[in-house]
Amino acid sequence: MEGARETMFILGALAIAFALTLAIFLTTSITGPLKASVQAANKIAAKDLTIDLSKYKKRGDEIGDLVQA
């Protein structure tokens, strides 16, 4: 019975670590392009049109569409 308890604690800790890693990955994959689009908008407002956002062209989601627009 003691071995089962230790196994459950280990599996729980691994699940928490995995969830935390996934949350960090998802957060950075969303906020990175949004920060780039805000910086681009600020440069456009300052009449600087030399912005290269082509690295976000590969994204096929709404964030990629927003950055490319």
PDB file of N, CA and C in Angstrom:
ATOM      1  N   MET A   1       0.813  -1.186   0.000  1.00  0.00           N
ATOM      2  CA  MET A   1       0.000   0.000   0.000  1.00  0.00           C
ATOM      3  C   MET A   1       0.867   1.266   0.000  1.00  0.00           C
ATOM      4  N   GLU A   2       1.988   1.197   0.666  1.00  0.00           N
ATOM      5  CA  GLU A   2       2.891   2.348   0.733  1.00  0.00           C
ATOM      6  C   GLU A   2       3.469   2.669  -0.642  1.00  0.00           C
ATOM      7  N   GLY A   3       3.757   1.650  -1.438  1.00  0.00           N
ATOM      8  CA  GLY A   3       4.291   1.861  -2.776  1.00  0.00           C
ATOM      9  C   GLY A   3       3.280   2.529  -3.693  1.00  0.00           C
ATOM     10  N   ALA A   4       2.016   2.202  -3.535  1.00  0.00           N
ATOM     11  CA  ALA A   4       0.969   2.811  -4.350  1.00  0.00           C
ATOM     12  C   ALA A   4       0.833   4.293  -4.028  1.00  0.00           C
ATOM     13  N   ARG A   5       0.956   4.639  -2.769  1.00  0.00           N
ATOM     14  CA  ARG A   5       0.859   6.045  -2.360  1.00  0.00           C
ATOM     15  C   ARG A   5       2.007   6.851  -2.951  1.00  0.00           C
ATOM     16  N   GLU A   6       3.216   6.309  -2.886  1.00  0.00           N
ATOM     17  CA  GLU A   6       4.377   6.996  -3.456  1.00  0.00           C
ATOM     18  C   GLU A   6       4.219   7.153  -4.958  1.00  0.00           C
ATOM     19  N   THR A   7       3.708   6.126  -5.612  1.00  0.00           N
ATOM     20  CA  THR A   7       3.487   6.194  -7.055  1.00  0.00           C
ATOM     21  C   THR A   7       2.478   7.282  -7.394  1.00  0.00           C
ATOM     22  N   MET A   8       1.419   7.386  -6.624  1.00  0.00           N
ATOM     23  CA  MET A   8       0.414   8.416  -6.868  1.00  0.00           C
ATOM     24  C   MET A   8       0.980   9.824  -6.649  1.00  0.00           C
ATOM     25  N   PHE A   9       1.816  10.000  -5.620  1.00  0.00           N
ATOM     26  CA  PHE A   9       2.451  11.294  -5.399  1.00  0.00           C
ATOM     27  C   PHE A   9       3.373  11.654  -6.554  1.00  0.00           C
ATOM     28  N   ILE A  10       4.139  10.691  -7.029  1.00  0.00           N
ATOM     29  CA  ILE A  10       5.048  10.936  -8.150  1.00  0.00           C
ATOM     30  C   ILE A  10       4.264  11.274  -9.412  1.00  0.00           C
ATOM     31  N   LEU A  11       3.218  10.510  -9.692  1.00  0.00           N
ATOM     32  CA  LEU A  11       2.396  10.797 -10.866  1.00  0.00           C
ATOM     33  C   LEU A  11       1.712  12.160 -10.751  1.00  0.00           C
ATOM     34  N   GLY A  12       1.268  12.514  -9.572  1.00  0.00           N
ATOM     35  CA  GLY A  12       0.665  13.833  -9.360  1.00  0.00           C
ATOM     36  C   GLY A  12       1.660  14.956  -9.585  1.00  0.00           C
ATOM     37  N   ALA A  13       2.869  14.776  -9.068  1.00  0.00           N
ATOM     38  CA  ALA A  13       3.908  15.789  -9.274  1.00  0.00           C
ATOM     39  C   ALA A  13       4.265  15.917 -10.746  1.00  0.00           C
ATOM     40  N   LEU A  14       4.348  14.801 -11.452  1.00  0.00           N
ATOM     41  CA  LEU A  14       4.633  14.840 -12.882  1.00  0.00           C
ATOM     42  C   LEU A  14       3.505  15.527 -13.650  1.00  0.00           C
ATOM     43  N   ALA A  15       2.270  15.261 -13.273  1.00  0.00           N
ATOM     44  CA  ALA A  15       1.132  15.906 -13.932  1.00  0.00           C
ATOM     45  C   ALA A  15       1.152  17.416 -13.708  1.00  0.00           C
ATOM     46  N   ILE A  16       1.479  17.839 -12.497  1.00  0.00           N
ATOM     47  CA  ILE A  16       1.565  19.274 -12.207  1.00  0.00           C
ATOM     48  C   ILE A  16       2.699  19.912 -13.001  1.00  0.00           C
ATOM     49  N   ALA A  17       3.848  19.254 -13.072  1.00  0.00           N
ATOM     50  CA  ALA A  17       4.977  19.776 -13.836  1.00  0.00           C
ATOM     51  C   ALA A  17       4.628  19.883 -15.323  1.00  0.00           C
ATOM     52  N   PHE A  18       3.950  18.872 -15.845  1.00  0.00           N
ATOM     53  CA  PHE A  18       3.553  18.896 -17.246  1.00  0.00           C
ATOM     54  C   PHE A  18       2.561  20.027 -17.513  1.00  0.00           C
ATOM     55  N   ALA A  19       1.595  20.194 -16.636  1.00  0.00           N
ATOM     56  CA  ALA A  19       0.597  21.253 -16.801  1.00  0.00           C
ATOM     57  C   ALA A  19       1.242  22.628 -16.738  1.00  0.00           C
ATOM     58  N   LEU A  20       2.188  22.807 -15.844  1.00  0.00           N
ATOM     59  CA  LEU A  20       2.892  24.081 -15.723  1.00  0.00           C
ATOM     60  C   LEU A  20       3.704  24.368 -16.978  1.00  0.00           C
ATOM     61  N   THR A  21       4.407  23.363 -17.475  1.00  0.00           N
ATOM     62  CA  THR A  21       5.191  23.526 -18.705  1.00  0.00           C
ATOM     63  C   THR A  21       4.295  23.869 -19.880  1.00  0.00           C
ATOM     64  N   LEU A  22       3.179  23.199 -20.002  1.00  0.00           N
ATOM     65  CA  LEU A  22       2.234  23.466 -21.083  1.00  0.00           C
ATOM     66  C   LEU A  22       1.655  24.873 -20.972  1.00  0.00           C
ATOM     67  N   ALA A  23       1.333  25.303 -19.778  1.00  0.00           N
ATOM     68  CA  ALA A  23       0.788  26.643 -19.580  1.00  0.00           C
ATOM     69  C   ALA A  23       1.804  27.710 -19.969  1.00  0.00           C
ATOM     70  N   ILE A  24       3.055  27.520 -19.602  1.00  0.00           N
ATOM     71  CA  ILE A  24       4.106  28.478 -19.950  1.00  0.00           C
ATOM     72  C   ILE A  24       4.291  28.519 -21.467  1.00  0.00           C
ATOM     73  N   PHE A  25       4.320  27.354 -22.104  1.00  0.00           N
ATOM     74  CA  PHE A  25       4.479  27.299 -23.560  1.00  0.00           C
ATOM     75  C   PHE A  25       3.331  28.006 -24.269  1.00  0.00           C
ATOM     76  N   LEU A  26       2.107  27.740 -23.871  1.00  0.00           N
ATOM     77  CA  LEU A  26       0.959  28.368 -24.512  1.00  0.00           C
ATOM     78  C   LEU A  26       0.944  29.875 -24.300  1.00  0.00           C
ATOM     79  N   THR A  27       1.291  30.301 -23.110  1.00  0.00           N
ATOM     80  CA  THR A  27       1.312  31.730 -22.808  1.00  0.00           C
ATOM     81  C   THR A  27       2.332  32.456 -23.665  1.00  0.00           C
ATOM     82  N   THR A  28       3.538  31.906 -23.774  1.00  0.00           N
ATOM     83  CA  THR A  28       4.568  32.573 -24.565  1.00  0.00           C
ATOM     84  C   THR A  28       4.271  32.515 -26.052  1.00  0.00           C
ATOM     85  N   SER A  29       3.624  31.445 -26.512  1.00  0.00           N
ATOM     86  CA  SER A  29       3.314  31.366 -27.944  1.00  0.00           C
ATOM     87  C   SER A  29       2.218  32.339 -28.336  1.00  0.00           C
ATOM     88  N   ILE A  30       1.438  32.808 -27.386  1.00  0.00           N
ATOM     89  CA  ILE A  30       0.400  33.789 -27.674  1.00  0.00           C
ATOM     90  C   ILE A  30       0.913  35.213 -27.438  1.00  0.00           C
ATOM     91  N   THR A  31       1.593  35.439 -26.339  1.00  0.00           N
ATOM     92  CA  THR A  31       2.006  36.799 -26.005  1.00  0.00           C
ATOM     93  C   THR A  31       3.163  37.300 -26.860  1.00  0.00           C
ATOM     94  N   GLY A  32       4.019  36.405 -27.356  1.00  0.00           N
ATOM     95  CA  GLY A  32       5.139  36.840 -28.196  1.00  0.00           C
ATOM     96  C   GLY A  32       4.673  37.562 -29.449  1.00  0.00           C
ATOM     97  N   PRO A  33       3.829  36.937 -30.265  1.00  0.00           N
ATOM     98  CA  PRO A  33       3.337  37.636 -31.459  1.00  0.00           C
ATOM     99  C   PRO A  33       2.491  38.869 -31.141  1.00  0.00           C
ATOM    100  N   LEU A  34       1.757  38.838 -30.042  1.00  0.00           N
ATOM    101  CA  LEU A  34       0.983  40.021 -29.677  1.00  0.00           C
ATOM    102  C   LEU A  34       1.891  41.192 -29.314  1.00  0.00           C
ATOM    103  N   LYS A  35       2.978  40.916 -28.609  1.00  0.00           N
ATOM    104  CA  LYS A  35       3.937  41.982 -28.299  1.00  0.00           C
ATOM    105  C   LYS A  35       4.563  42.527 -29.571  1.00  0.00           C
ATOM    106  N   ALA A  36       4.873  41.627 -30.520  1.00  0.00           N
ATOM    107  CA  ALA A  36       5.445  42.060 -31.795  1.00  0.00           C
ATOM    108  C   ALA A  36       4.461  42.930 -32.562  1.00  0.00           C
ATOM    109  N   SER A  37       3.183  42.584 -32.521  1.00  0.00           N
ATOM    110  CA  SER A  37       2.203  43.391 -33.242  1.00  0.00           C
ATOM    111  C   SER A  37       2.018  44.757 -32.585  1.00  0.00           C
ATOM    112  N   VAL A  38       2.110  44.827 -31.273  1.00  0.00           N
ATOM    113  CA  VAL A  38       2.025  46.118 -30.582  1.00  0.00           C
ATOM    114  C   VAL A  38       3.231  46.975 -30.944  1.00  0.00           C
ATOM    115  N   GLN A  39       4.418  46.384 -30.963  1.00  0.00           N
ATOM    116  CA  GLN A  39       5.617  47.126 -31.351  1.00  0.00           C
ATOM    117  C   GLN A  39       5.510  47.610 -32.799  1.00  0.00           C
ATOM    118  N   ALA A  40       4.974  46.751 -33.677  1.00  0.00           N
ATOM    119  CA  ALA A  40       4.802  47.140 -35.075  1.00  0.00           C
ATOM    120  C   ALA A  40       3.807  48.289 -35.190  1.00  0.00           C
ATOM    121  N   ALA A  41       2.719  48.222 -34.449  1.00  0.00           N
ATOM    122  CA  ALA A  41       1.729  49.294 -34.488  1.00  0.00           C
ATOM    123  C   ALA A  41       2.329  50.606 -33.994  1.00  0.00           C
ATOM    124  N   ASN A  42       3.161  50.535 -32.969  1.00  0.00           N
ATOM    125  CA  ASN A  42       3.820  51.741 -32.475  1.00  0.00           C
ATOM    126  C   ASN A  42       4.773  52.323 -33.510  1.00  0.00           C
ATOM    127  N   LYS A  43       5.501  51.457 -34.220  1.00  0.00           N
ATOM    128  CA  LYS A  43       6.410  51.945 -35.264  1.00  0.00           C
ATOM    129  C   LYS A  43       5.633  52.543 -36.427  1.00  0.00           C
ATOM    130  N   ILE A  44       4.518  51.908 -36.788  1.00  0.00           N
ATOM    131  CA  ILE A  44       3.699  52.450 -37.863  1.00  0.00           C
ATOM    132  C   ILE A  44       3.132  53.807 -37.464  1.00  0.00           C
ATOM    133  N   ALA A  45       2.731  53.950 -36.211  1.00  0.00           N
ATOM    134  CA  ALA A  45       2.227  55.231 -35.718  1.00  0.00           C
ATOM    135  C   ALA A  45       3.304  56.305 -35.773  1.00  0.00           C
ATOM    136  N   ALA A  46       4.576  55.876 -35.630  1.00  0.00           N
ATOM    137  CA  ALA A  46       5.696  56.820 -35.708  1.00  0.00           C
ATOM    138  C   ALA A  46       6.196  56.975 -37.141  1.00  0.00           C
ATOM    139  N   LYS A  47       5.413  56.489 -38.119  1.00  0.00           N
ATOM    140  CA  LYS A  47       5.705  56.576 -39.554  1.00  0.00           C
ATOM    141  C   LYS A  47       6.946  55.803 -39.965  1.00  0.00           C
ATOM    142  N   ASP A  48       7.255  54.736 -39.259  1.00  0.00           N
ATOM    143  CA  ASP A  48       8.356  53.844 -39.605  1.00  0.00           C
ATOM    144  C   ASP A  48       7.750  52.576 -40.206  1.00  0.00           C
ATOM    145  N   LEU A  49       7.908  52.386 -41.505  1.00  0.00           N
ATOM    146  CA  LEU A  49       7.316  51.243 -42.189  1.00  0.00           C
ATOM    147  C   LEU A  49       8.346  50.174 -42.531  1.00  0.00           C
ATOM    148  N   THR A  50       9.429  50.108 -41.785  1.00  0.00           N
ATOM    149  CA  THR A  50      10.493  49.137 -42.061  1.00  0.00           C
ATOM    150  C   THR A  50      10.385  47.911 -41.165  1.00  0.00           C
ATOM    151  N   ILE A  51       9.200  47.501 -40.853  1.00  0.00           N
ATOM    152  CA  ILE A  51       8.966  46.397 -39.928  1.00  0.00           C
ATOM    153  C   ILE A  51       8.892  45.091 -40.715  1.00  0.00           C
ATOM    154  N   ASP A  52       9.593  44.075 -40.229  1.00  0.00           N
ATOM    155  CA  ASP A  52       9.555  42.761 -40.873  1.00  0.00           C
ATOM    156  C   ASP A  52       8.912  41.762 -39.906  1.00  0.00           C
ATOM    157  N   LEU A  53       7.711  41.368 -40.209  1.00  0.00           N
ATOM    158  CA  LEU A  53       6.990  40.398 -39.388  1.00  0.00           C
ATOM    159  C   LEU A  53       6.785  39.096 -40.144  1.00  0.00           C
ATOM    160  N   SER A  54       7.641  38.816 -41.102  1.00  0.00           N
ATOM    161  CA  SER A  54       7.455  37.641 -41.953  1.00  0.00           C
ATOM    162  C   SER A  54       7.608  36.323 -41.195  1.00  0.00           C
ATOM    163  N   LYS A  55       8.268  36.335 -40.052  1.00  0.00           N
ATOM    164  CA  LYS A  55       8.415  35.079 -39.314  1.00  0.00           C
ATOM    165  C   LYS A  55       7.090  34.587 -38.737  1.00  0.00           C
ATOM    166  N   TYR A  56       6.104  35.483 -38.645  1.00  0.00           N
ATOM    167  CA  TYR A  56       4.790  35.079 -38.154  1.00  0.00           C
ATOM    168  C   TYR A  56       3.854  34.657 -39.286  1.00  0.00           C
ATOM    169  N   LYS A  57       4.327  34.701 -40.523  1.00  0.00           N
ATOM    170  CA  LYS A  57       3.505  34.329 -41.671  1.00  0.00           C
ATOM    171  C   LYS A  57       3.139  32.846 -41.632  1.00  0.00           C
ATOM    172  N   LYS A  58       3.981  32.031 -41.018  1.00  0.00           N
ATOM    173  CA  LYS A  58       3.742  30.591 -40.946  1.00  0.00           C
ATOM    174  C   LYS A  58       2.554  30.231 -40.067  1.00  0.00           C
ATOM    175  N   ARG A  59       2.222  31.089 -39.153  1.00  0.00           N
ATOM    176  CA  ARG A  59       1.102  30.795 -38.255  1.00  0.00           C
ATOM    177  C   ARG A  59      -0.190  30.817 -39.038  1.00  0.00           C
ATOM    178  N   GLY A  60      -0.979  29.792 -38.899  1.00  0.00           N
ATOM    179  CA  GLY A  60      -2.239  29.712 -39.611  1.00  0.00           C
ATOM    180  C   GLY A  60      -3.439  30.061 -38.747  1.00  0.00           C
ATOM    181  N   ASP A  61      -3.187  30.749 -37.652  1.00  0.00           N
ATOM    182  CA  ASP A  61      -4.287  31.066 -36.740  1.00  0.00           C
ATOM    183  C   ASP A  61      -4.599  32.564 -36.766  1.00  0.00           C
ATOM    184  N   GLU A  62      -5.473  32.979 -35.892  1.00  0.00           N
ATOM    185  CA  GLU A  62      -5.911  34.360 -35.845  1.00  0.00           C
ATOM    186  C   GLU A  62      -4.782  35.310 -35.468  1.00  0.00           C
ATOM    187  N   ILE A  63      -3.890  34.870 -34.618  1.00  0.00           N
ATOM    188  CA  ILE A  63      -2.783  35.733 -34.214  1.00  0.00           C
ATOM    189  C   ILE A  63      -1.860  35.998 -35.397  1.00  0.00           C
ATOM    190  N   GLY A  64      -1.591  34.971 -36.188  1.00  0.00           N
ATOM    191  CA  GLY A  64      -0.784  35.158 -37.397  1.00  0.00           C
ATOM    192  C   GLY A  64      -1.465  36.100 -38.372  1.00  0.00           C
ATOM    193  N   ASP A  65      -2.778  35.976 -38.531  1.00  0.00           N
ATOM    194  CA  ASP A  65      -3.534  36.881 -39.398  1.00  0.00           C
ATOM    195  C   ASP A  65      -3.469  38.321 -38.884  1.00  0.00           C
ATOM    196  N   LEU A  66      -3.586  38.488 -37.576  1.00  0.00           N
ATOM    197  CA  LEU A  66      -3.526  39.819 -36.982  1.00  0.00           C
ATOM    198  C   LEU A  66      -2.172  40.459 -37.220  1.00  0.00           C
ATOM    199  N   VAL A  67      -1.107  39.713 -36.997  1.00  0.00           N
ATOM    200  CA  VAL A  67       0.237  40.266 -37.157  1.00  0.00           C
ATOM    201  C   VAL A  67       0.498  40.618 -38.620  1.00  0.00           C
ATOM    202  N   GLN A  68       0.072  39.772 -39.536  1.00  0.00           N
ATOM    203  CA  GLN A  68       0.288  40.046 -40.950  1.00  0.00           C
ATOM    204  C   GLN A  68      -0.566  41.218 -41.447  1.00  0.00           C
ATOM    205  N   ALA A  69      -1.716  41.453 -40.846  1.00  0.00           N
ATOM    206  CA  ALA A  69      -2.548  42.581 -41.268  1.00  0.00           C
ATOM    207  C   ALA A  69      -1.889  43.887 -40.866  1.00  0.00           C
TER     208      ALA A  69
END
